[in-house]
Amino acid sequence: MQSTNFRCMTIIYIMWLIGGFLSESSHAASVLVTDEQGKPFANAVISLTKALPNSTSTQPGSTAVMDQLEKQFSPTILVVDQGTTVVFPNSDNIRHHVYSFSEPKPFEIKLYANESVPPILFDKPGIVVLGCNIHDSMLGFIYVKESKQVWVTNEQGIADIGEAIGEVTIWHPDFSVDHLQRMSGNLVAGNPNEFTFSRVLPPAAHKKTFGSSKFNR
């Protein structure tokens, strides 16, 4: 009898644990971002509009890498905290000339091959569009977070947002020709939150549209 009671109590306890886990998981939600054809926007950045600024993120210390490989920036989209230092190695066997005209961080790294170049500190929030002064097809993006409540979609266009609700801005370079436009949305309780936006430029059609002049070579 005692053995039977013990087994029953064990089963009840396990069911209680499972129920608690499921109940807790039900609060977690996700966001799905797609275009009109249902294709996902990978690496779309979702920011809670009324999130408090991340004061700790302005402290320098973190390092990220924006490489150049096969005449492309790698990764194409890099999301970093404020105060992050980004290094720009050149893994190609040709020279590149990296620059940006973007307001959060205008800068220039003149022609270089595989030698080390000084890293760049990104201490202001916003979208930084990168180009190469030699190869017009090269285009990259650094998104500097404005707060801690920022999420990035995976290859399926999905981001786990936990229990966040409220107004958000959603950014992806394919939303606009100048690659800077942000869309608005509203996160509600439930799973998933789905957003559909027009894809102005397919990934293969990226061209420099963020500056008409070039640096002197």
N, C-alpha and C. Protein backbone atom coordinates (compact mmCIF):
# COMPACT_ATOMS: atom_id res chain seq x y z
N MET A 1 0.83 -1.21 0.00
CA MET A 1 0.00 0.00 0.00
C MET A 1 0.86 1.25 0.00
N GLN A 2 1.89 1.26 0.86
CA GLN A 2 2.77 2.41 0.91
C GLN A 2 3.47 2.61 -0.44
N SER A 3 3.86 1.49 -1.08
CA SER A 3 4.52 1.59 -2.37
C SER A 3 3.59 2.19 -3.41
N THR A 4 2.32 1.78 -3.38
CA THR A 4 1.34 2.32 -4.33
C THR A 4 1.12 3.81 -4.10
N ASN A 5 1.01 4.20 -2.82
CA ASN A 5 0.83 5.61 -2.51
C ASN A 5 2.03 6.44 -2.95
N PHE A 6 3.22 5.86 -2.79
CA PHE A 6 4.44 6.57 -3.19
C PHE A 6 4.46 6.80 -4.69
N ARG A 7 4.06 5.75 -5.46
CA ARG A 7 4.02 5.88 -6.91
C ARG A 7 3.01 6.94 -7.33
N CYS A 8 1.85 6.94 -6.66
CA CYS A 8 0.81 7.92 -7.00
C CYS A 8 1.30 9.33 -6.73
N MET A 9 1.94 9.51 -5.58
CA MET A 9 2.46 10.84 -5.23
C MET A 9 3.53 11.28 -6.23
N THR A 10 4.35 10.32 -6.66
CA THR A 10 5.41 10.64 -7.62
C THR A 10 4.81 11.09 -8.94
N ILE A 11 3.76 10.35 -9.40
CA ILE A 11 3.10 10.70 -10.67
C ILE A 11 2.47 12.08 -10.57
N ILE A 12 1.82 12.36 -9.44
CA ILE A 12 1.17 13.66 -9.25
C ILE A 12 2.21 14.78 -9.27
N TYR A 13 3.35 14.53 -8.63
CA TYR A 13 4.41 15.53 -8.58
C TYR A 13 4.97 15.81 -9.97
N ILE A 14 5.18 14.75 -10.74
CA ILE A 14 5.70 14.91 -12.09
C ILE A 14 4.70 15.69 -12.96
N MET A 15 3.42 15.35 -12.83
CA MET A 15 2.40 16.05 -13.60
C MET A 15 2.34 17.53 -13.20
N TRP A 16 2.55 17.78 -11.90
CA TRP A 16 2.55 19.17 -11.44
C TRP A 16 3.72 19.94 -12.05
N LEU A 17 4.88 19.28 -12.11
CA LEU A 17 6.05 19.92 -12.71
C LEU A 17 5.81 20.21 -14.19
N ILE A 18 5.27 19.22 -14.90
CA ILE A 18 5.00 19.39 -16.33
C ILE A 18 3.99 20.51 -16.56
N GLY A 19 2.94 20.51 -15.73
CA GLY A 19 1.93 21.55 -15.86
C GLY A 19 2.50 22.93 -15.62
N GLY A 20 3.37 23.04 -14.61
CA GLY A 20 4.00 24.31 -14.33
C GLY A 20 4.89 24.76 -15.47
N PHE A 21 5.62 23.80 -16.06
CA PHE A 21 6.50 24.11 -17.18
C PHE A 21 5.71 24.59 -18.38
N LEU A 22 4.60 23.87 -18.68
CA LEU A 22 3.77 24.25 -19.82
C LEU A 22 3.12 25.60 -19.60
N SER A 23 2.70 25.84 -18.34
CA SER A 23 2.07 27.11 -18.04
C SER A 23 3.05 28.25 -18.20
N GLU A 24 4.29 28.01 -17.73
CA GLU A 24 5.31 29.04 -17.86
C GLU A 24 5.68 29.26 -19.31
N SER A 25 5.74 28.17 -20.10
CA SER A 25 6.12 28.28 -21.50
C SER A 25 5.05 28.99 -22.31
N SER A 26 3.78 28.90 -21.83
CA SER A 26 2.70 29.49 -22.60
C SER A 26 2.82 31.01 -22.66
N HIS A 27 3.57 31.58 -21.67
CA HIS A 27 3.74 33.02 -21.67
C HIS A 27 4.76 33.46 -22.71
N ALA A 28 5.67 32.55 -23.09
CA ALA A 28 6.69 32.90 -24.07
C ALA A 28 6.04 32.96 -25.45
N ALA A 29 6.40 33.96 -26.21
CA ALA A 29 5.80 34.15 -27.53
C ALA A 29 6.89 34.32 -28.56
N SER A 30 6.48 34.29 -29.82
CA SER A 30 7.43 34.46 -30.91
C SER A 30 6.84 35.42 -31.94
N VAL A 31 7.73 35.91 -32.80
CA VAL A 31 7.33 36.81 -33.88
C VAL A 31 7.76 36.18 -35.20
N LEU A 32 6.88 36.23 -36.19
CA LEU A 32 7.19 35.74 -37.53
C LEU A 32 7.10 36.91 -38.50
N VAL A 33 8.19 37.16 -39.26
CA VAL A 33 8.23 38.27 -40.21
C VAL A 33 8.45 37.70 -41.60
N THR A 34 7.49 37.96 -42.50
CA THR A 34 7.56 37.43 -43.87
C THR A 34 7.19 38.51 -44.88
N ASP A 35 7.45 38.20 -46.17
CA ASP A 35 7.01 39.10 -47.23
C ASP A 35 5.69 38.61 -47.80
N GLU A 36 5.21 39.25 -48.88
CA GLU A 36 3.89 38.92 -49.43
C GLU A 36 3.83 37.50 -49.97
N GLN A 37 4.97 36.95 -50.37
CA GLN A 37 5.01 35.57 -50.88
C GLN A 37 5.20 34.54 -49.77
N GLY A 38 5.24 35.01 -48.55
CA GLY A 38 5.42 34.11 -47.43
C GLY A 38 6.88 33.75 -47.16
N LYS A 39 7.80 34.41 -47.86
CA LYS A 39 9.22 34.12 -47.63
C LYS A 39 9.69 34.87 -46.40
N PRO A 40 10.47 34.22 -45.55
CA PRO A 40 10.88 34.86 -44.28
C PRO A 40 11.89 35.97 -44.49
N PHE A 41 11.83 36.95 -43.61
CA PHE A 41 12.87 37.97 -43.52
C PHE A 41 13.86 37.49 -42.46
N ALA A 42 14.95 36.89 -42.89
CA ALA A 42 15.99 36.47 -41.95
C ALA A 42 16.78 37.68 -41.48
N ASN A 43 17.15 37.68 -40.22
CA ASN A 43 17.93 38.77 -39.62
C ASN A 43 17.19 40.10 -39.59
N ALA A 44 15.86 40.05 -39.54
CA ALA A 44 15.10 41.27 -39.27
C ALA A 44 15.28 41.62 -37.80
N VAL A 45 15.37 42.91 -37.51
CA VAL A 45 15.64 43.37 -36.14
C VAL A 45 14.36 43.96 -35.56
N ILE A 46 13.95 43.45 -34.41
CA ILE A 46 12.72 43.86 -33.75
C ILE A 46 13.08 44.57 -32.45
N SER A 47 12.58 45.81 -32.28
CA SER A 47 12.92 46.61 -31.11
C SER A 47 11.64 47.06 -30.42
N LEU A 48 11.58 46.86 -29.10
CA LEU A 48 10.44 47.33 -28.33
C LEU A 48 10.52 48.84 -28.23
N THR A 49 9.48 49.54 -28.70
CA THR A 49 9.52 50.99 -28.83
C THR A 49 9.71 51.69 -27.50
N LYS A 50 9.03 51.22 -26.47
CA LYS A 50 9.07 51.91 -25.18
C LYS A 50 10.04 51.28 -24.20
N ALA A 51 10.98 50.52 -24.71
CA ALA A 51 11.98 49.92 -23.83
C ALA A 51 12.90 51.01 -23.29
N LEU A 52 13.34 50.83 -22.05
CA LEU A 52 14.27 51.78 -21.46
C LEU A 52 15.63 51.65 -22.12
N PRO A 53 16.32 52.77 -22.31
CA PRO A 53 17.67 52.69 -22.90
C PRO A 53 18.57 51.79 -22.09
N ASN A 54 19.44 51.09 -22.77
CA ASN A 54 20.38 50.17 -22.10
C ASN A 54 21.62 50.96 -21.70
N SER A 55 21.59 51.51 -20.49
CA SER A 55 22.70 52.37 -20.06
C SER A 55 23.99 51.60 -19.93
N THR A 56 23.90 50.32 -19.60
CA THR A 56 25.13 49.53 -19.43
C THR A 56 25.78 49.20 -20.77
N SER A 57 24.99 49.27 -21.85
CA SER A 57 25.53 48.86 -23.14
C SER A 57 26.45 49.92 -23.74
N THR A 58 26.45 51.13 -23.12
CA THR A 58 27.31 52.17 -23.65
C THR A 58 28.75 52.03 -23.15
N GLN A 59 29.00 51.06 -22.30
CA GLN A 59 30.34 50.85 -21.80
C GLN A 59 31.15 50.02 -22.79
N PRO A 60 32.28 50.54 -23.26
CA PRO A 60 33.10 49.78 -24.21
C PRO A 60 33.57 48.47 -23.61
N GLY A 61 33.84 47.51 -24.44
CA GLY A 61 34.36 46.24 -23.96
C GLY A 61 34.10 45.09 -24.90
N SER A 62 32.91 45.05 -25.48
CA SER A 62 32.57 43.96 -26.39
C SER A 62 33.24 44.17 -27.74
N THR A 63 33.53 43.05 -28.41
CA THR A 63 34.13 43.10 -29.73
C THR A 63 33.35 42.22 -30.68
N ALA A 64 33.12 42.70 -31.90
CA ALA A 64 32.44 41.93 -32.93
C ALA A 64 33.27 42.00 -34.20
N VAL A 65 32.95 41.11 -35.15
CA VAL A 65 33.73 41.00 -36.38
C VAL A 65 32.83 41.18 -37.59
N MET A 66 33.23 42.07 -38.49
CA MET A 66 32.60 42.21 -39.80
C MET A 66 33.68 41.90 -40.84
N ASP A 67 33.67 40.70 -41.36
CA ASP A 67 34.71 40.25 -42.28
C ASP A 67 34.33 40.62 -43.72
N GLN A 68 35.27 40.40 -44.63
CA GLN A 68 35.04 40.56 -46.06
C GLN A 68 35.54 39.31 -46.75
N LEU A 69 34.61 38.63 -47.41
CA LEU A 69 34.91 37.33 -47.99
C LEU A 69 34.17 37.19 -49.31
N GLU A 70 34.91 36.85 -50.37
CA GLU A 70 34.34 36.68 -51.70
C GLU A 70 33.57 37.93 -52.14
N LYS A 71 34.17 39.08 -51.88
CA LYS A 71 33.61 40.38 -52.25
C LYS A 71 32.23 40.62 -51.62
N GLN A 72 32.08 40.13 -50.40
CA GLN A 72 30.85 40.37 -49.64
C GLN A 72 31.22 40.62 -48.19
N PHE A 73 30.39 41.43 -47.51
CA PHE A 73 30.56 41.56 -46.08
C PHE A 73 30.00 40.32 -45.40
N SER A 74 30.68 39.88 -44.36
CA SER A 74 30.27 38.66 -43.67
C SER A 74 30.39 38.85 -42.15
N PRO A 75 29.22 38.87 -41.45
CA PRO A 75 27.87 38.66 -41.96
C PRO A 75 27.34 39.90 -42.69
N THR A 76 26.28 39.73 -43.46
CA THR A 76 25.69 40.88 -44.14
C THR A 76 25.09 41.86 -43.13
N ILE A 77 24.44 41.30 -42.10
CA ILE A 77 23.83 42.12 -41.05
C ILE A 77 24.44 41.73 -39.71
N LEU A 78 25.01 42.71 -39.03
CA LEU A 78 25.63 42.50 -37.73
C LEU A 78 24.89 43.36 -36.71
N VAL A 79 24.39 42.75 -35.63
CA VAL A 79 23.65 43.46 -34.59
C VAL A 79 24.53 43.51 -33.33
N VAL A 80 24.78 44.71 -32.83
CA VAL A 80 25.69 44.89 -31.70
C VAL A 80 25.09 45.83 -30.67
N ASP A 81 25.60 45.76 -29.44
CA ASP A 81 25.26 46.72 -28.39
C ASP A 81 26.01 48.02 -28.61
N GLN A 82 25.47 49.09 -28.03
CA GLN A 82 26.22 50.34 -28.01
C GLN A 82 27.52 50.11 -27.24
N GLY A 83 28.60 50.72 -27.72
CA GLY A 83 29.87 50.55 -27.06
C GLY A 83 30.68 49.38 -27.57
N THR A 84 30.16 48.69 -28.59
CA THR A 84 30.88 47.55 -29.16
C THR A 84 31.95 48.04 -30.14
N THR A 85 33.10 47.41 -30.07
CA THR A 85 34.18 47.67 -31.03
C THR A 85 34.10 46.61 -32.13
N VAL A 86 34.08 47.05 -33.37
CA VAL A 86 33.99 46.13 -34.51
C VAL A 86 35.32 46.14 -35.26
N VAL A 87 35.82 44.95 -35.52
CA VAL A 87 37.03 44.81 -36.33
C VAL A 87 36.63 44.40 -37.74
N PHE A 88 37.42 44.83 -38.72
CA PHE A 88 37.10 44.62 -40.12
C PHE A 88 38.24 43.88 -40.83
N PRO A 89 38.39 42.58 -40.57
CA PRO A 89 39.42 41.83 -41.30
C PRO A 89 39.05 41.71 -42.77
N ASN A 90 40.05 41.47 -43.59
CA ASN A 90 39.84 41.26 -45.02
C ASN A 90 40.34 39.86 -45.35
N SER A 91 39.42 38.92 -45.51
CA SER A 91 39.79 37.54 -45.80
C SER A 91 39.92 37.27 -47.30
N ASP A 92 39.69 38.28 -48.12
CA ASP A 92 39.90 38.14 -49.56
C ASP A 92 41.37 38.31 -49.89
N ASN A 93 41.73 37.92 -51.09
CA ASN A 93 43.11 38.11 -51.55
C ASN A 93 43.24 39.37 -52.42
N ILE A 94 42.28 40.26 -52.27
CA ILE A 94 42.29 41.55 -52.96
C ILE A 94 42.05 42.64 -51.92
N ARG A 95 42.28 43.88 -52.31
CA ARG A 95 42.12 44.98 -51.37
C ARG A 95 40.67 45.50 -51.37
N HIS A 96 40.26 45.99 -50.20
CA HIS A 96 38.96 46.62 -50.04
C HIS A 96 39.14 48.00 -49.41
N HIS A 97 38.10 48.81 -49.56
CA HIS A 97 38.11 50.17 -49.03
C HIS A 97 36.76 50.37 -48.36
N VAL A 98 36.69 50.10 -47.07
CA VAL A 98 35.42 50.09 -46.34
C VAL A 98 35.06 51.51 -45.89
N TYR A 99 33.78 51.85 -46.02
CA TYR A 99 33.36 53.17 -45.57
C TYR A 99 31.87 53.17 -45.24
N SER A 100 31.43 54.23 -44.57
CA SER A 100 30.02 54.46 -44.31
C SER A 100 29.76 55.96 -44.23
N PHE A 101 28.62 56.38 -44.80
CA PHE A 101 28.16 57.75 -44.69
C PHE A 101 27.08 57.89 -43.61
N SER A 102 26.72 56.80 -42.95
CA SER A 102 25.58 56.78 -42.04
C SER A 102 25.81 57.67 -40.82
N GLU A 103 24.77 58.37 -40.40
CA GLU A 103 24.87 59.34 -39.31
C GLU A 103 25.39 58.74 -38.01
N PRO A 104 24.96 57.53 -37.60
CA PRO A 104 25.47 57.01 -36.33
C PRO A 104 26.97 56.79 -36.31
N LYS A 105 27.58 56.51 -37.48
CA LYS A 105 29.02 56.26 -37.50
C LYS A 105 29.60 56.42 -38.91
N PRO A 106 29.86 57.63 -39.35
CA PRO A 106 30.59 57.80 -40.62
C PRO A 106 32.07 57.47 -40.38
N PHE A 107 32.66 56.69 -41.28
CA PHE A 107 34.06 56.34 -41.13
C PHE A 107 34.61 55.83 -42.45
N GLU A 108 35.92 55.67 -42.50
CA GLU A 108 36.57 55.18 -43.71
C GLU A 108 37.80 54.37 -43.32
N ILE A 109 37.94 53.20 -43.92
CA ILE A 109 39.17 52.41 -43.82
C ILE A 109 39.71 52.27 -45.23
N LYS A 110 40.76 52.99 -45.53
CA LYS A 110 41.26 53.06 -46.90
C LYS A 110 41.82 51.72 -47.36
N LEU A 111 42.12 51.65 -48.64
CA LEU A 111 42.55 50.40 -49.28
C LEU A 111 43.48 49.57 -48.42
N TYR A 112 43.09 48.34 -48.17
CA TYR A 112 43.93 47.44 -47.40
C TYR A 112 43.65 46.01 -47.80
N ALA A 113 44.62 45.15 -47.59
CA ALA A 113 44.46 43.72 -47.88
C ALA A 113 44.27 42.99 -46.56
N ASN A 114 45.18 42.08 -46.23
CA ASN A 114 44.97 41.28 -45.03
C ASN A 114 45.66 41.85 -43.80
N GLU A 115 46.23 43.06 -43.91
CA GLU A 115 46.89 43.62 -42.74
C GLU A 115 45.86 44.09 -41.72
N SER A 116 46.30 44.19 -40.47
CA SER A 116 45.41 44.63 -39.41
C SER A 116 45.11 46.12 -39.57
N VAL A 117 43.88 46.50 -39.27
CA VAL A 117 43.48 47.90 -39.31
C VAL A 117 42.86 48.24 -37.96
N PRO A 118 42.89 49.50 -37.56
CA PRO A 118 42.32 49.87 -36.26
C PRO A 118 40.83 49.53 -36.20
N PRO A 119 40.36 49.00 -35.08
CA PRO A 119 38.93 48.71 -34.93
C PRO A 119 38.13 50.00 -34.82
N ILE A 120 36.84 49.88 -35.03
CA ILE A 120 35.94 51.03 -34.99
C ILE A 120 34.97 50.87 -33.82
N LEU A 121 34.82 51.92 -33.03
CA LEU A 121 33.89 51.91 -31.90
C LEU A 121 32.53 52.42 -32.35
N PHE A 122 31.48 51.64 -32.08
CA PHE A 122 30.11 52.02 -32.42
C PHE A 122 29.37 52.35 -31.12
N ASP A 123 29.32 53.63 -30.81
CA ASP A 123 28.79 54.07 -29.52
C ASP A 123 27.46 54.79 -29.61
N LYS A 124 26.89 54.90 -30.81
CA LYS A 124 25.59 55.54 -30.97
C LYS A 124 24.61 54.56 -31.62
N PRO A 125 23.36 54.53 -31.14
CA PRO A 125 22.39 53.59 -31.72
C PRO A 125 21.97 54.01 -33.13
N GLY A 126 21.61 53.03 -33.94
CA GLY A 126 21.14 53.32 -35.28
C GLY A 126 21.62 52.31 -36.29
N ILE A 127 21.32 52.57 -37.55
CA ILE A 127 21.65 51.67 -38.65
C ILE A 127 22.83 52.24 -39.42
N VAL A 128 23.89 51.47 -39.52
CA VAL A 128 25.08 51.89 -40.24
C VAL A 128 25.19 51.05 -41.51
N VAL A 129 25.13 51.72 -42.66
CA VAL A 129 25.22 51.04 -43.95
C VAL A 129 26.67 51.08 -44.42
N LEU A 130 27.21 49.92 -44.77
CA LEU A 130 28.61 49.80 -45.18
C LEU A 130 28.72 49.59 -46.68
N GLY A 131 29.77 50.15 -47.26
CA GLY A 131 30.07 49.90 -48.66
C GLY A 131 31.56 49.74 -48.86
N CYS A 132 31.94 49.35 -50.07
CA CYS A 132 33.34 49.27 -50.45
C CYS A 132 33.55 50.24 -51.60
N ASN A 133 34.54 51.09 -51.49
CA ASN A 133 34.80 52.10 -52.49
C ASN A 133 35.31 51.51 -53.81
N ILE A 134 35.67 50.25 -53.80
CA ILE A 134 36.19 49.58 -54.99
C ILE A 134 35.15 48.66 -55.62
N HIS A 135 34.36 48.00 -54.80
CA HIS A 135 33.40 47.00 -55.30
C HIS A 135 31.98 47.46 -54.96
N ASP A 136 31.29 47.97 -55.97
CA ASP A 136 29.97 48.56 -55.75
C ASP A 136 28.91 47.55 -55.32
N SER A 137 29.14 46.27 -55.56
CA SER A 137 28.14 45.27 -55.19
C SER A 137 28.21 44.92 -53.70
N MET A 138 29.25 45.36 -53.02
CA MET A 138 29.39 45.04 -51.59
C MET A 138 28.53 45.96 -50.75
N LEU A 139 27.72 45.36 -49.90
CA LEU A 139 26.84 46.13 -49.02
C LEU A 139 26.67 45.36 -47.72
N GLY A 140 26.86 46.04 -46.62
CA GLY A 140 26.72 45.42 -45.30
C GLY A 140 26.03 46.37 -44.35
N PHE A 141 25.60 45.85 -43.20
CA PHE A 141 24.82 46.65 -42.26
C PHE A 141 25.23 46.31 -40.83
N ILE A 142 25.39 47.36 -40.03
CA ILE A 142 25.60 47.19 -38.60
C ILE A 142 24.46 47.89 -37.88
N TYR A 143 23.70 47.13 -37.12
CA TYR A 143 22.58 47.68 -36.35
C TYR A 143 23.04 47.81 -34.91
N VAL A 144 23.13 49.04 -34.43
CA VAL A 144 23.56 49.29 -33.06
C VAL A 144 22.30 49.43 -32.20
N LYS A 145 22.15 48.54 -31.24
CA LYS A 145 20.92 48.48 -30.45
C LYS A 145 20.69 49.76 -29.65
N GLU A 146 19.42 50.13 -29.54
CA GLU A 146 19.04 51.26 -28.73
C GLU A 146 18.64 50.85 -27.32
N SER A 147 18.42 49.57 -27.09
CA SER A 147 18.03 49.06 -25.77
C SER A 147 18.36 47.58 -25.69
N LYS A 148 18.08 46.98 -24.54
CA LYS A 148 18.30 45.54 -24.39
C LYS A 148 17.19 44.73 -25.04
N GLN A 149 16.02 45.32 -25.18
CA GLN A 149 14.87 44.58 -25.70
C GLN A 149 14.84 44.65 -27.22
N VAL A 150 15.80 43.94 -27.80
CA VAL A 150 15.95 43.85 -29.25
C VAL A 150 16.14 42.39 -29.61
N TRP A 151 15.43 41.94 -30.64
CA TRP A 151 15.50 40.54 -31.06
C TRP A 151 15.79 40.48 -32.56
N VAL A 152 16.38 39.38 -32.98
CA VAL A 152 16.74 39.19 -34.38
C VAL A 152 16.11 37.88 -34.87
N THR A 153 15.45 37.92 -36.03
CA THR A 153 14.81 36.71 -36.54
C THR A 153 15.86 35.74 -37.08
N ASN A 154 15.52 34.46 -37.03
CA ASN A 154 16.40 33.43 -37.57
C ASN A 154 16.13 33.22 -39.06
N GLU A 155 16.70 32.17 -39.64
CA GLU A 155 16.54 31.93 -41.07
C GLU A 155 15.09 31.68 -41.46
N GLN A 156 14.26 31.27 -40.50
CA GLN A 156 12.84 31.04 -40.77
C GLN A 156 12.01 32.29 -40.53
N GLY A 157 12.67 33.41 -40.22
CA GLY A 157 11.95 34.65 -39.98
C GLY A 157 11.31 34.73 -38.61
N ILE A 158 11.78 33.91 -37.66
CA ILE A 158 11.16 33.81 -36.34
C ILE A 158 12.11 34.34 -35.27
N ALA A 159 11.56 35.07 -34.31
CA ALA A 159 12.31 35.53 -33.15
C ALA A 159 11.52 35.23 -31.89
N ASP A 160 12.17 34.69 -30.89
CA ASP A 160 11.52 34.45 -29.59
C ASP A 160 11.60 35.73 -28.77
N ILE A 161 10.45 36.23 -28.33
CA ILE A 161 10.40 37.52 -27.66
C ILE A 161 10.02 37.41 -26.19
N GLY A 162 9.93 36.19 -25.67
CA GLY A 162 9.59 36.02 -24.26
C GLY A 162 8.20 36.52 -23.96
N GLU A 163 8.08 37.39 -22.95
CA GLU A 163 6.77 37.90 -22.54
C GLU A 163 6.55 39.34 -22.99
N ALA A 164 7.35 39.82 -23.92
CA ALA A 164 7.26 41.22 -24.35
C ALA A 164 5.94 41.49 -25.07
N ILE A 165 5.32 42.62 -24.77
CA ILE A 165 4.14 43.09 -25.49
C ILE A 165 4.27 44.59 -25.67
N GLY A 166 3.55 45.13 -26.64
CA GLY A 166 3.58 46.56 -26.88
C GLY A 166 4.05 46.90 -28.28
N GLU A 167 4.25 48.17 -28.52
CA GLU A 167 4.64 48.65 -29.84
C GLU A 167 6.11 48.30 -30.13
N VAL A 168 6.36 47.93 -31.37
CA VAL A 168 7.72 47.62 -31.79
C VAL A 168 8.02 48.28 -33.13
N THR A 169 9.29 48.44 -33.41
CA THR A 169 9.74 48.80 -34.75
C THR A 169 10.47 47.58 -35.30
N ILE A 170 10.31 47.35 -36.59
CA ILE A 170 10.94 46.19 -37.25
C ILE A 170 11.73 46.72 -38.43
N TRP A 171 13.00 46.30 -38.51
CA TRP A 171 13.87 46.78 -39.58
C TRP A 171 14.50 45.62 -40.34
N HIS A 172 14.58 45.79 -41.64
CA HIS A 172 15.34 44.90 -42.52
C HIS A 172 15.77 45.72 -43.72
N PRO A 173 16.98 45.51 -44.25
CA PRO A 173 17.43 46.34 -45.37
C PRO A 173 16.57 46.25 -46.62
N ASP A 174 15.82 45.16 -46.77
CA ASP A 174 14.99 44.99 -47.97
C ASP A 174 13.64 45.70 -47.87
N PHE A 175 13.39 46.41 -46.75
CA PHE A 175 12.13 47.15 -46.63
C PHE A 175 12.12 48.41 -47.50
N SER A 176 13.27 48.95 -47.84
CA SER A 176 13.31 50.22 -48.57
C SER A 176 14.57 50.31 -49.42
N VAL A 177 14.54 51.18 -50.41
CA VAL A 177 15.66 51.33 -51.33
C VAL A 177 16.90 51.87 -50.61
N ASP A 178 16.68 52.78 -49.64
CA ASP A 178 17.84 53.33 -48.91
C ASP A 178 18.24 52.46 -47.74
N HIS A 179 17.52 51.35 -47.52
CA HIS A 179 17.83 50.34 -46.50
C HIS A 179 17.64 50.83 -45.06
N LEU A 180 16.99 51.96 -44.85
CA LEU A 180 16.90 52.54 -43.52
C LEU A 180 15.49 52.51 -42.92
N GLN A 181 14.49 52.22 -43.73
CA GLN A 181 13.11 52.33 -43.25
C GLN A 181 12.79 51.27 -42.20
N ARG A 182 12.09 51.70 -41.15
CA ARG A 182 11.62 50.79 -40.11
C ARG A 182 10.09 50.72 -40.19
N MET A 183 9.56 49.55 -39.95
CA MET A 183 8.11 49.36 -39.93
C MET A 183 7.62 49.30 -38.49
N SER A 184 6.34 49.58 -38.32
CA SER A 184 5.74 49.56 -36.99
C SER A 184 4.88 48.31 -36.82
N GLY A 185 4.78 47.87 -35.60
CA GLY A 185 3.94 46.72 -35.28
C GLY A 185 3.53 46.75 -33.83
N ASN A 186 2.69 45.83 -33.43
CA ASN A 186 2.23 45.76 -32.05
C ASN A 186 2.24 44.31 -31.59
N LEU A 187 2.98 44.03 -30.54
CA LEU A 187 3.04 42.67 -29.98
C LEU A 187 1.89 42.49 -29.01
N VAL A 188 1.13 41.44 -29.19
CA VAL A 188 0.01 41.13 -28.30
C VAL A 188 0.25 39.76 -27.69
N ALA A 189 -0.44 39.50 -26.59
CA ALA A 189 -0.32 38.20 -25.94
C ALA A 189 -0.80 37.13 -26.90
N GLY A 190 -0.07 36.06 -26.97
CA GLY A 190 -0.43 34.98 -27.90
C GLY A 190 0.76 34.60 -28.73
N ASN A 191 0.62 33.50 -29.44
CA ASN A 191 1.77 32.96 -30.16
C ASN A 191 1.31 32.33 -31.47
N PRO A 192 1.87 32.72 -32.62
CA PRO A 192 2.88 33.78 -32.77
C PRO A 192 2.26 35.10 -33.17
N ASN A 193 3.05 36.16 -33.09
CA ASN A 193 2.70 37.43 -33.70
C ASN A 193 3.25 37.41 -35.12
N GLU A 194 2.41 37.63 -36.11
CA GLU A 194 2.83 37.55 -37.50
C GLU A 194 2.77 38.92 -38.17
N PHE A 195 3.86 39.28 -38.86
CA PHE A 195 3.92 40.55 -39.57
C PHE A 195 4.34 40.28 -41.01
N THR A 196 3.66 40.93 -41.95
CA THR A 196 3.97 40.79 -43.37
C THR A 196 4.28 42.16 -43.96
N PHE A 197 5.42 42.27 -44.63
CA PHE A 197 5.84 43.53 -45.22
C PHE A 197 6.28 43.30 -46.66
N SER A 198 6.22 44.37 -47.44
CA SER A 198 6.68 44.29 -48.83
C SER A 198 8.20 44.22 -48.86
N ARG A 199 8.71 43.40 -49.75
CA ARG A 199 10.16 43.32 -49.95
C ARG A 199 10.49 44.17 -51.18
N VAL A 200 11.03 45.36 -50.93
CA VAL A 200 11.30 46.29 -52.01
C VAL A 200 12.43 45.79 -52.89
N LEU A 201 13.47 45.26 -52.27
CA LEU A 201 14.62 44.76 -53.01
C LEU A 201 14.90 43.31 -52.64
N PRO A 202 14.98 42.43 -53.63
CA PRO A 202 15.41 41.06 -53.30
C PRO A 202 16.87 41.07 -52.88
N PRO A 203 17.31 40.09 -52.08
CA PRO A 203 18.69 40.09 -51.58
C PRO A 203 19.74 40.24 -52.68
N ALA A 204 19.51 39.67 -53.85
CA ALA A 204 20.51 39.71 -54.92
C ALA A 204 20.57 41.06 -55.61
N ALA A 205 19.62 41.95 -55.32
CA ALA A 205 19.54 43.22 -56.04
C ALA A 205 20.10 44.39 -55.24
N HIS A 206 20.78 44.10 -54.14
CA HIS A 206 21.34 45.18 -53.34
C HIS A 206 22.33 46.02 -54.15
N LYS A 207 22.10 47.30 -54.16
CA LYS A 207 23.02 48.24 -54.80
C LYS A 207 23.26 49.39 -53.85
N LYS A 208 24.33 50.11 -54.05
CA LYS A 208 24.60 51.26 -53.22
C LYS A 208 23.61 52.37 -53.53
N THR A 209 22.82 52.73 -52.53
CA THR A 209 21.86 53.81 -52.70
C THR A 209 21.96 54.78 -51.53
N PHE A 210 23.01 54.66 -50.73
CA PHE A 210 23.10 55.47 -49.53
C PHE A 210 24.13 56.58 -49.63
N GLY A 211 24.68 56.81 -50.82
CA GLY A 211 25.65 57.89 -50.99
C GLY A 211 26.08 57.95 -52.44
N SER A 212 26.05 59.15 -53.01
CA SER A 212 26.35 59.25 -54.44
C SER A 212 27.82 59.53 -54.71
N SER A 213 28.54 60.03 -53.73
CA SER A 213 29.95 60.34 -53.95
C SER A 213 30.83 59.28 -53.30
N LYS A 214 32.06 59.20 -53.81
CA LYS A 214 33.01 58.25 -53.27
C LYS A 214 34.17 59.01 -52.62
N PHE A 215 34.84 58.31 -51.71
CA PHE A 215 36.05 58.88 -51.15
C PHE A 215 37.12 58.89 -52.23
N ASN A 216 38.07 59.78 -52.10
CA ASN A 216 39.20 59.79 -53.03
C ASN A 216 40.04 58.54 -52.84
N ARG A 217 40.41 57.93 -53.93
CA ARG A 217 41.20 56.71 -53.85
C ARG A 217 42.68 57.03 -53.73
